[in-house]
Amino acid sequence: MSHTATEPQLDRSAGDLELAADEAKAASGGDAREAVKALLVANASLEREVALWLQR
């Protein structure tokens, strides 16, 4: 998979990503859809935080 200049590259192994996905699912009571929703909310919050930092 190729990456663009603006796309962040993950510094995690496939095993680390699998573990992180399993942990997110477990934290959401085993419901993968709820885990995705929680991660989307967290990502949006981080994007807002970055936008505020860039405005300074």
N, C-alpha and C. Protein backbone atom coordinates (compact mmCIF):
# COMPACT_ATOMS: atom_id res chain seq x y z
N MET A 1 0.84 -1.17 0.00
CA MET A 1 0.00 0.00 0.00
C MET A 1 0.89 1.24 0.00
N SER A 2 0.62 2.20 -0.87
CA SER A 2 1.40 3.43 -0.92
C SER A 2 0.77 4.49 -0.02
N HIS A 3 1.61 5.42 0.42
CA HIS A 3 1.16 6.49 1.30
C HIS A 3 1.38 7.83 0.62
N THR A 4 0.47 8.78 0.83
CA THR A 4 0.65 10.13 0.32
C THR A 4 1.49 10.91 1.31
N ALA A 5 1.94 12.07 0.90
CA ALA A 5 2.78 12.89 1.77
C ALA A 5 2.02 13.34 3.01
N THR A 6 0.71 13.52 2.92
CA THR A 6 -0.05 14.01 4.07
C THR A 6 -0.64 12.89 4.91
N GLU A 7 -0.56 11.66 4.45
CA GLU A 7 -1.12 10.53 5.18
C GLU A 7 -0.13 10.03 6.22
N PRO A 8 -0.53 10.02 7.51
CA PRO A 8 0.40 9.54 8.52
C PRO A 8 0.67 8.05 8.35
N GLN A 9 1.89 7.66 8.62
CA GLN A 9 2.24 6.24 8.54
C GLN A 9 2.23 5.67 9.95
N LEU A 10 1.57 4.55 10.11
CA LEU A 10 1.50 3.91 11.41
C LEU A 10 2.83 3.24 11.73
N ASP A 11 3.28 3.43 12.93
CA ASP A 11 4.53 2.82 13.38
C ASP A 11 4.18 1.65 14.30
N ARG A 12 3.31 0.76 13.79
CA ARG A 12 2.87 -0.39 14.57
C ARG A 12 2.92 -1.62 13.69
N SER A 13 3.21 -2.73 14.30
CA SER A 13 3.19 -3.98 13.56
C SER A 13 1.75 -4.44 13.39
N ALA A 14 1.54 -5.38 12.50
CA ALA A 14 0.20 -5.92 12.29
C ALA A 14 -0.33 -6.52 13.58
N GLY A 15 0.52 -7.17 14.35
CA GLY A 15 0.11 -7.74 15.63
C GLY A 15 -0.36 -6.70 16.62
N ASP A 16 0.36 -5.56 16.65
CA ASP A 16 -0.05 -4.46 17.53
C ASP A 16 -1.41 -3.93 17.14
N LEU A 17 -1.65 -3.81 15.83
CA LEU A 17 -2.95 -3.31 15.37
C LEU A 17 -4.06 -4.29 15.69
N GLU A 18 -3.79 -5.58 15.56
CA GLU A 18 -4.80 -6.59 15.91
C GLU A 18 -5.13 -6.50 17.39
N LEU A 19 -4.11 -6.36 18.23
CA LEU A 19 -4.32 -6.25 19.67
C LEU A 19 -5.12 -4.99 20.00
N ALA A 20 -4.77 -3.87 19.37
CA ALA A 20 -5.49 -2.62 19.61
C ALA A 20 -6.96 -2.75 19.19
N ALA A 21 -7.20 -3.41 18.06
CA ALA A 21 -8.58 -3.61 17.60
C ALA A 21 -9.35 -4.50 18.57
N ASP A 22 -8.70 -5.55 19.05
CA ASP A 22 -9.34 -6.44 20.03
C ASP A 22 -9.66 -5.69 21.32
N GLU A 23 -8.74 -4.83 21.76
CA GLU A 23 -8.97 -4.06 22.98
C GLU A 23 -10.11 -3.06 22.81
N ALA A 24 -10.18 -2.41 21.64
CA ALA A 24 -11.27 -1.46 21.39
C ALA A 24 -12.61 -2.18 21.38
N LYS A 25 -12.64 -3.34 20.77
CA LYS A 25 -13.89 -4.13 20.73
C LYS A 25 -14.28 -4.57 22.14
N ALA A 26 -13.32 -5.05 22.90
CA ALA A 26 -13.60 -5.51 24.26
C ALA A 26 -14.09 -4.36 25.13
N ALA A 27 -13.51 -3.17 24.95
CA ALA A 27 -13.93 -2.00 25.73
C ALA A 27 -15.35 -1.58 25.40
N SER A 28 -15.85 -2.03 24.26
CA SER A 28 -17.22 -1.71 23.83
C SER A 28 -18.15 -2.90 24.03
N GLY A 29 -17.82 -3.73 24.99
CA GLY A 29 -18.68 -4.87 25.30
C GLY A 29 -18.73 -5.92 24.21
N GLY A 30 -17.71 -5.98 23.37
CA GLY A 30 -17.67 -6.97 22.30
C GLY A 30 -18.42 -6.55 21.04
N ASP A 31 -18.96 -5.35 21.04
CA ASP A 31 -19.73 -4.84 19.90
C ASP A 31 -18.81 -4.03 18.99
N ALA A 32 -18.44 -4.61 17.85
CA ALA A 32 -17.50 -3.95 16.94
C ALA A 32 -18.05 -2.63 16.41
N ARG A 33 -19.36 -2.58 16.16
CA ARG A 33 -19.96 -1.34 15.66
C ARG A 33 -19.82 -0.21 16.69
N GLU A 34 -20.04 -0.53 17.96
CA GLU A 34 -19.88 0.47 19.01
C GLU A 34 -18.42 0.90 19.14
N ALA A 35 -17.50 -0.04 18.95
CA ALA A 35 -16.08 0.29 19.00
C ALA A 35 -15.72 1.27 17.89
N VAL A 36 -16.23 1.03 16.70
CA VAL A 36 -15.95 1.93 15.57
C VAL A 36 -16.53 3.31 15.86
N LYS A 37 -17.74 3.37 16.37
CA LYS A 37 -18.35 4.65 16.69
C LYS A 37 -17.53 5.41 17.73
N ALA A 38 -17.06 4.71 18.75
CA ALA A 38 -16.25 5.36 19.78
C ALA A 38 -14.94 5.87 19.19
N LEU A 39 -14.33 5.10 18.32
CA LEU A 39 -13.08 5.53 17.69
C LEU A 39 -13.29 6.72 16.77
N LEU A 40 -14.43 6.77 16.09
CA LEU A 40 -14.75 7.91 15.23
C LEU A 40 -14.92 9.19 16.06
N VAL A 41 -15.58 9.06 17.20
CA VAL A 41 -15.75 10.22 18.09
C VAL A 41 -14.39 10.69 18.60
N ALA A 42 -13.55 9.75 19.02
CA ALA A 42 -12.23 10.10 19.52
C ALA A 42 -11.40 10.78 18.43
N ASN A 43 -11.48 10.26 17.21
CA ASN A 43 -10.73 10.84 16.09
C ASN A 43 -11.21 12.26 15.80
N ALA A 44 -12.52 12.48 15.82
CA ALA A 44 -13.06 13.81 15.56
C ALA A 44 -12.58 14.79 16.62
N SER A 45 -12.52 14.34 17.86
CA SER A 45 -12.03 15.19 18.94
C SER A 45 -10.57 15.56 18.72
N LEU A 46 -9.77 14.60 18.33
CA LEU A 46 -8.36 14.88 18.05
C LEU A 46 -8.20 15.83 16.87
N GLU A 47 -9.04 15.66 15.85
CA GLU A 47 -8.97 16.57 14.69
C GLU A 47 -9.30 18.00 15.10
N ARG A 48 -10.30 18.17 15.98
CA ARG A 48 -10.64 19.51 16.48
C ARG A 48 -9.48 20.09 17.27
N GLU A 49 -8.85 19.26 18.09
CA GLU A 49 -7.71 19.73 18.88
C GLU A 49 -6.57 20.18 17.98
N VAL A 50 -6.26 19.43 16.95
CA VAL A 50 -5.20 19.81 16.01
C VAL A 50 -5.56 21.11 15.31
N ALA A 51 -6.82 21.24 14.90
CA ALA A 51 -7.25 22.47 14.22
C ALA A 51 -7.07 23.69 15.13
N LEU A 52 -7.38 23.53 16.42
CA LEU A 52 -7.19 24.64 17.36
C LEU A 52 -5.72 24.99 17.50
N TRP A 53 -4.86 23.98 17.55
CA TRP A 53 -3.42 24.23 17.65
C TRP A 53 -2.90 24.94 16.40
N LEU A 54 -3.44 24.57 15.24
CA LEU A 54 -2.97 25.19 13.99
C LEU A 54 -3.43 26.64 13.86
N GLN A 55 -4.49 27.02 14.57
CA GLN A 55 -4.99 28.39 14.52
C GLN A 55 -4.14 29.34 15.34
N ARG A 56 -3.29 28.80 16.20
CA ARG A 56 -2.47 29.66 17.08
C ARG A 56 -1.36 30.31 16.33
